[in-house]
Each structure stands twice: as C-alpha cells, then as structure tokens.
Amino acid sequence: MRIALAATCIADAMFPQAPQATVTLLERLGHEVVFPPKQTCCGQMHVNTGYYADALPVIKNHVETFAPVLDAEWDAVVVPSGSCTGSIRHQQAMVCRRAGQDALAATADAVAAKTYELSELLVDVLGVTDVGAHFPHRVTYHPTCHSLRMLHVGDKPLQLLRAVDGIDLVELPEAESCCGFGGTFSIKNSETSTAMLSDKMTHVKSTGAEVLTAGDYSCLMHIGGGLTRTRAGMRTMHLAEILASTRAEPTRPPAAAGAAPVEVSTR
C-alpha cells in the first residue's frame, strides 16, 4: 500500500520519534509511506476550546492536504494518535457544516473514512498483529480516552503488543480511567487534572513496568511528566516505537529520572 502520514503537530514539535517509528514500521512491512509537506494541525485544539471559526481554515488545510487519498494517489492516511484521528473523524465535518461549508464537509467526511489510527490500520486494514517486533522489557499499556471512546479501537493495541517478541506485558489496573490530561482541561481544571493524574500514576507504578506505552503522546506527556517529577524511574514510549523495535535495530527506552540506564538485549 501507499500510505500518507499525518504526523500531528504535537509529534512534529515535541515527539518526532512517534511518526519516525511509524514510518520505520510500515516500511519494514513492505509499504510506501509519504509525507505531505503542507500538513499542519488537524484543528482539534481549536475545536475543543470552542474556537470553531479559527478552526475552519486549519481544517480546510488538512482536508485539502490529504484529499489526494480520494483520487487513489494514496490508499490510506495513518495517524499515530487516537486523539487526532478522533478529531478528523468526528469534528472536522461538523465544524465545516456549522460554517455553511457543506462541500468541504463532504470532502472532510470522505477523507476521514480513509484515515486510520495506527493500530486500526495495522489490524483492520493490513490484517497483521505480529509485526516482527522485539522489545525485551516489562511494559504496561494505557488506553487513551479518544482511542477508547471515540474510535473504539478496543484491544487492537494489546493484540499488537502481545505479539511482540520478548515483551513482558503487564495489565494496568483501572486502565480505562482517564489520565486527566484532556488538552486545555489540564490547564483550566488543574486541581482536578492533578488528582486524576495521581490516581493514574499510582496504578502505573503498581505494575512495576519499565515502560508505559499508549497511542497518544499527549497523554504520555502528561503521565510522563508526573512520573519524572516523582522520580518513579519509569519511561514512556509510543506504541509505534515498541512495534518498530527489532533484534537487529532495537528501540531503546529513553532515560528516566531516578533510574539506571537500561541495557537492551539483542540475543
């Protein structure tokens, strides 16, 4: 397949390792990945805070940038984020219709129908769960709210993780509870957000995992910040980074406050 990558603005600015790992993984599976250079934000930040008028030109740019998928220039669009995929699928056309842009809304719906979160693309479209990954570490998985409740990805990320060679996958208690990020929610409702984060960190720490993974770096940023401040000695990694890791080219967990360097076995 020929797949267009929507990298997301947070990954582009702060966590490029997630889209880079997505490319590495998909190319290893035999697919061609292209990066449309005109892409920016999907508009989620604007929509979630009620700035629909400001979101409209951002959404228009996204729809026009990825519209070639409708002309068979690409077979699909992949997004290493459940949050952004949820916005593309459930918010973009709505904003366009509210602005009276019905033609743009129809195109947005059509583009969204060919847009997939990474685990959706792998399991539902490409039909694979074993991607040939090797990651010899103790890992726990946090299902982010948008992937769980908007996209209904279910256990697709867990299917992929269970097939990783060498992994010690530990169930996260109260996994479906929110981490408290919610974008600007964590700023506007900081005390509530901090309380929710505290509960999430308690459950994460109880697993004894070296690595916490998820399909959204926004949530990993929030939880990882708390883990770093408390010197928990745990690392955060995007699902794509783990799936991109192999014996020959292992993905090494990043350094974490309060922990010794991790030795990666390639045996």
Protein backbone atom coordinates (compact mmCIF):
# COMPACT_ATOMS: atom_id res chain seq x y z
CA MET A 1 0.00 0.00 0.00
CA ARG A 2 0.93 3.66 -0.43
CA ILE A 3 0.16 5.39 2.87
CA ALA A 4 0.16 9.09 3.71
CA LEU A 5 1.38 10.04 7.18
CA ALA A 6 -0.38 12.71 9.23
CA ALA A 7 2.34 13.24 11.82
CA THR A 8 0.29 15.53 14.19
CA CYS A 9 1.54 18.89 15.37
CA ILE A 10 2.49 17.75 18.89
CA ALA A 11 4.66 14.98 17.46
CA ASP A 12 6.21 17.32 14.92
CA ALA A 13 7.06 19.87 17.61
CA MET A 14 7.93 17.66 20.58
CA PHE A 15 7.86 13.91 19.91
CA PRO A 16 9.10 13.22 16.37
CA GLN A 17 10.10 9.71 17.40
CA ALA A 18 6.45 8.59 17.08
CA PRO A 19 5.94 9.44 13.38
CA GLN A 20 9.51 8.34 12.63
CA ALA A 21 8.78 4.95 14.21
CA THR A 22 5.52 4.74 12.27
CA VAL A 23 7.43 5.16 9.01
CA THR A 24 10.06 2.60 10.06
CA LEU A 25 7.39 0.07 10.98
CA LEU A 26 5.26 0.45 7.86
CA GLU A 27 8.25 0.39 5.53
CA ARG A 28 9.52 -2.78 7.23
CA LEU A 29 6.12 -4.33 6.49
CA GLY A 30 6.60 -3.53 2.83
CA HIS A 31 4.53 -0.37 2.41
CA GLU A 32 5.45 3.02 0.97
CA VAL A 33 4.95 5.99 3.29
CA VAL A 34 4.66 9.55 2.00
CA PHE A 35 4.68 12.79 3.99
CA PRO A 36 2.51 15.58 2.53
CA PRO A 37 4.56 18.70 3.38
CA LYS A 38 1.61 21.13 3.60
CA GLN A 39 0.16 19.42 6.69
CA THR A 40 -0.10 21.34 9.95
CA CYS A 41 -2.66 20.85 12.76
CA CYS A 42 -5.92 18.90 12.41
CA GLY A 43 -7.77 21.67 14.31
CA GLN A 44 -8.57 19.66 17.42
CA MET A 45 -7.15 22.20 19.87
CA HIS A 46 -9.29 24.97 18.41
CA VAL A 47 -12.46 22.86 18.31
CA ASN A 48 -12.08 21.50 21.83
CA THR A 49 -11.85 25.02 23.23
CA GLY A 50 -14.79 26.33 21.20
CA TYR A 51 -12.91 28.38 18.59
CA TYR A 52 -14.78 26.98 15.60
CA ALA A 53 -14.17 29.99 13.34
CA ASP A 54 -10.44 29.76 13.97
CA ALA A 55 -10.53 26.01 13.43
CA LEU A 56 -12.12 26.27 9.98
CA PRO A 57 -9.03 27.37 7.97
CA VAL A 58 -6.90 24.82 9.82
CA ILE A 59 -9.39 22.07 8.96
CA LYS A 60 -9.60 23.28 5.36
CA ASN A 61 -5.83 22.97 5.03
CA HIS A 62 -5.89 19.46 6.48
CA VAL A 63 -8.70 18.29 4.19
CA GLU A 64 -7.08 19.76 1.08
CA THR A 65 -3.66 18.36 2.02
CA PHE A 66 -4.96 14.82 2.39
CA ALA A 67 -7.65 14.91 -0.33
CA PRO A 68 -5.36 13.06 -2.81
CA VAL A 69 -6.31 9.89 -0.92
CA LEU A 70 -9.71 10.24 -2.63
CA ASP A 71 -8.08 10.13 -6.08
CA ALA A 72 -6.18 6.91 -5.32
CA GLU A 73 -2.85 8.75 -5.07
CA TRP A 74 -2.62 7.05 -1.69
CA ASP A 75 -4.50 4.07 -0.31
CA ALA A 76 -4.91 5.36 3.24
CA VAL A 77 -3.87 8.01 5.75
CA VAL A 78 -2.29 6.92 9.04
CA VAL A 79 -2.16 8.97 12.24
CA PRO A 80 -0.07 7.93 15.27
CA SER A 81 -2.67 9.45 17.59
CA GLY A 82 -6.13 8.34 18.63
CA SER A 83 -6.91 11.90 19.71
CA CYS A 84 -6.18 13.48 16.33
CA THR A 85 -7.82 10.63 14.43
CA GLY A 86 -10.91 11.14 16.55
CA SER A 87 -10.96 14.83 15.70
CA ILE A 88 -10.54 14.14 11.98
CA ARG A 89 -13.33 11.60 12.05
CA HIS A 90 -15.83 13.29 14.36
CA GLN A 91 -15.14 17.03 14.44
CA GLN A 92 -13.87 18.30 11.12
CA ALA A 93 -17.03 17.82 9.02
CA MET A 94 -19.17 19.11 11.90
CA VAL A 95 -17.24 22.39 12.03
CA CYS A 96 -17.48 22.78 8.26
CA ARG A 97 -21.26 22.25 8.27
CA ARG A 98 -21.75 24.74 11.10
CA ALA A 99 -19.93 27.29 8.95
CA GLY A 100 -22.13 26.51 5.94
CA GLN A 101 -19.26 24.82 4.11
CA ASP A 102 -21.21 21.73 3.02
CA ALA A 103 -18.94 20.81 0.11
CA LEU A 104 -15.89 20.99 2.36
CA ALA A 105 -17.74 18.93 4.97
CA ALA A 106 -18.45 16.21 2.41
CA THR A 107 -14.79 16.09 1.43
CA ALA A 108 -13.79 16.02 5.09
CA ASP A 109 -16.07 13.02 5.67
CA ALA A 110 -14.60 11.22 2.67
CA VAL A 111 -11.00 11.85 3.77
CA ALA A 112 -11.87 10.79 7.32
CA ALA A 113 -13.24 7.48 6.02
CA LYS A 114 -9.77 6.65 4.68
CA THR A 115 -7.93 7.89 7.79
CA TYR A 116 -6.83 5.40 10.44
CA GLU A 117 -5.18 5.43 13.84
CA LEU A 118 -2.06 3.24 13.73
CA SER A 119 -3.48 0.14 15.44
CA GLU A 120 -6.62 0.35 13.28
CA LEU A 121 -4.51 0.45 10.13
CA LEU A 122 -2.36 -2.50 11.18
CA VAL A 123 -5.10 -4.81 12.45
CA ASP A 124 -8.18 -3.84 10.43
CA VAL A 125 -6.68 -2.73 7.11
CA LEU A 126 -3.36 -4.54 6.79
CA GLY A 127 -4.58 -7.59 8.71
CA VAL A 128 -1.48 -8.06 10.89
CA THR A 129 -0.93 -8.36 14.61
CA ASP A 130 2.60 -9.80 14.63
CA VAL A 131 4.73 -7.08 13.05
CA GLY A 132 8.04 -8.79 13.79
CA ALA A 133 8.89 -6.60 16.76
CA HIS A 134 11.31 -7.46 19.58
CA PHE A 135 11.23 -5.48 22.83
CA PRO A 136 12.62 -7.29 25.92
CA HIS A 137 11.15 -5.03 28.60
CA ARG A 138 8.33 -5.00 31.14
CA VAL A 139 5.57 -2.84 29.63
CA THR A 140 2.11 -1.66 30.61
CA TYR A 141 -0.44 -0.09 28.27
CA HIS A 142 -2.72 2.92 28.87
CA PRO A 143 -5.74 3.10 26.51
CA THR A 144 -6.26 6.79 25.87
CA CYS A 145 -9.76 8.22 26.10
CA HIS A 146 -10.19 9.21 22.45
CA SER A 147 -8.91 5.88 21.12
CA LEU A 148 -11.11 4.03 23.57
CA ARG A 149 -14.31 6.07 23.49
CA MET A 150 -14.30 7.89 20.15
CA LEU A 151 -12.57 5.38 17.90
CA HIS A 152 -13.46 2.18 19.78
CA VAL A 153 -10.13 0.57 18.92
CA GLY A 154 -10.79 -1.99 21.66
CA ASP A 155 -7.91 -4.36 22.25
CA LYS A 156 -6.17 -3.80 18.90
CA PRO A 157 -3.11 -2.17 20.55
CA LEU A 158 -2.96 -5.04 23.04
CA GLN A 159 -3.15 -7.61 20.23
CA LEU A 160 -0.12 -5.95 18.67
CA LEU A 161 1.77 -5.76 21.96
CA ARG A 162 1.05 -9.38 22.90
CA ALA A 163 2.70 -10.50 19.65
CA VAL A 164 5.95 -8.62 20.39
CA ASP A 165 8.84 -11.00 20.97
CA GLY A 166 10.47 -10.77 24.41
CA ILE A 167 7.96 -8.37 25.92
CA ASP A 168 6.65 -8.75 29.47
CA LEU A 169 3.23 -7.14 29.10
CA VAL A 170 1.56 -6.32 32.42
CA GLU A 171 -2.10 -5.36 32.77
CA LEU A 172 -2.68 -1.81 34.03
CA PRO A 173 -5.20 -1.60 36.89
CA GLU A 174 -8.14 0.75 36.21
CA ALA A 175 -6.77 1.07 32.69
CA GLU A 176 -9.86 2.72 31.24
CA SER A 177 -9.80 5.65 33.67
CA CYS A 178 -8.69 8.99 32.21
CA CYS A 179 -5.20 10.28 32.97
CA GLY A 180 -6.54 13.82 33.46
CA PHE A 181 -4.86 15.50 30.50
CA GLY A 182 -7.71 16.40 28.14
CA GLY A 183 -5.72 19.15 26.42
CA THR A 184 -6.70 22.52 27.90
CA PHE A 185 -8.69 20.69 30.60
CA SER A 186 -5.43 20.13 32.45
CA ILE A 187 -4.86 23.91 32.47
CA LYS A 188 -8.39 25.14 33.12
CA ASN A 189 -9.09 22.46 35.74
CA SER A 190 -5.61 21.86 37.05
CA GLU A 191 -6.57 20.60 40.51
CA THR A 192 -8.97 18.00 39.13
CA SER A 193 -6.47 17.05 36.45
CA THR A 194 -3.71 16.60 39.02
CA ALA A 195 -5.91 14.38 41.17
CA MET A 196 -6.75 12.21 38.16
CA LEU A 197 -3.07 12.05 37.23
CA SER A 198 -2.16 10.99 40.75
CA ASP A 199 -4.58 8.06 40.57
CA LYS A 200 -3.25 7.04 37.16
CA MET A 201 0.36 7.19 38.32
CA THR A 202 -0.45 5.04 41.35
CA HIS A 203 -1.81 2.33 39.06
CA VAL A 204 1.09 2.65 36.60
CA LYS A 205 3.68 2.36 39.37
CA SER A 206 1.92 -0.70 40.81
CA THR A 207 2.72 -2.69 37.67
CA GLY A 208 6.47 -2.47 38.19
CA ALA A 209 6.81 -1.78 34.47
CA GLU A 210 9.89 -0.19 32.93
CA VAL A 211 7.84 1.39 30.17
CA LEU A 212 4.36 2.87 29.94
CA THR A 213 3.03 2.90 26.38
CA ALA A 214 -0.01 4.41 24.68
CA GLY A 215 -1.15 5.52 21.25
CA ASP A 216 -1.06 9.24 22.07
CA TYR A 217 1.98 11.25 23.05
CA SER A 218 -0.25 13.94 24.56
CA CYS A 219 -1.34 11.58 27.35
CA LEU A 220 2.17 10.13 27.63
CA MET A 221 3.49 13.67 28.04
CA HIS A 222 1.06 14.28 30.90
CA ILE A 223 1.67 10.99 32.71
CA GLY A 224 5.38 11.04 31.95
CA GLY A 225 5.70 14.50 33.44
CA GLY A 226 4.22 13.25 36.68
CA LEU A 227 6.41 10.15 36.72
CA THR A 228 9.51 12.28 36.14
CA ARG A 229 8.61 14.76 38.89
CA THR A 230 8.15 11.90 41.36
CA ARG A 231 11.37 10.21 40.14
CA ALA A 232 9.48 6.99 39.52
CA GLY A 233 12.21 5.61 37.27
CA MET A 234 9.71 4.70 34.54
CA ARG A 235 9.78 5.64 30.88
CA THR A 236 7.07 6.49 28.38
CA MET A 237 7.10 5.33 24.76
CA HIS A 238 4.59 5.49 21.94
CA LEU A 239 3.13 2.20 20.71
CA ALA A 240 4.82 2.79 17.33
CA GLU A 241 8.26 2.92 18.96
CA ILE A 242 7.81 -0.50 20.53
CA LEU A 243 6.41 -2.02 17.34
CA ALA A 244 9.30 -0.56 15.32
CA SER A 245 11.88 -2.22 17.57
CA THR A 246 13.63 -5.36 16.31
CA ARG A 247 16.53 -7.55 17.41
CA ALA A 248 18.72 -6.05 14.71
CA GLU A 249 17.62 -2.46 15.35
CA PRO A 250 16.24 -2.19 18.89
CA THR A 251 14.40 0.88 20.12
CA ARG A 252 15.99 1.81 23.43
CA PRO A 253 13.78 3.28 26.13
CA PRO A 254 14.71 6.90 26.88
CA ALA A 255 16.42 7.92 30.07
CA ALA A 256 14.16 8.38 33.09
CA ALA A 257 14.70 10.33 36.28
CA GLY A 258 15.66 8.13 39.19
CA ALA A 259 16.56 5.08 37.11
CA ALA A 260 19.75 3.43 35.97
CA PRO A 261 20.38 3.14 32.23
CA VAL A 262 18.59 0.23 30.62
CA GLU A 263 20.63 -2.46 28.92
CA VAL A 264 18.93 -3.79 25.79
CA SER A 265 19.45 -7.42 24.93
CA THR A 266 19.64 -8.38 21.25
CA ARG A 267 20.00 -12.09 21.87
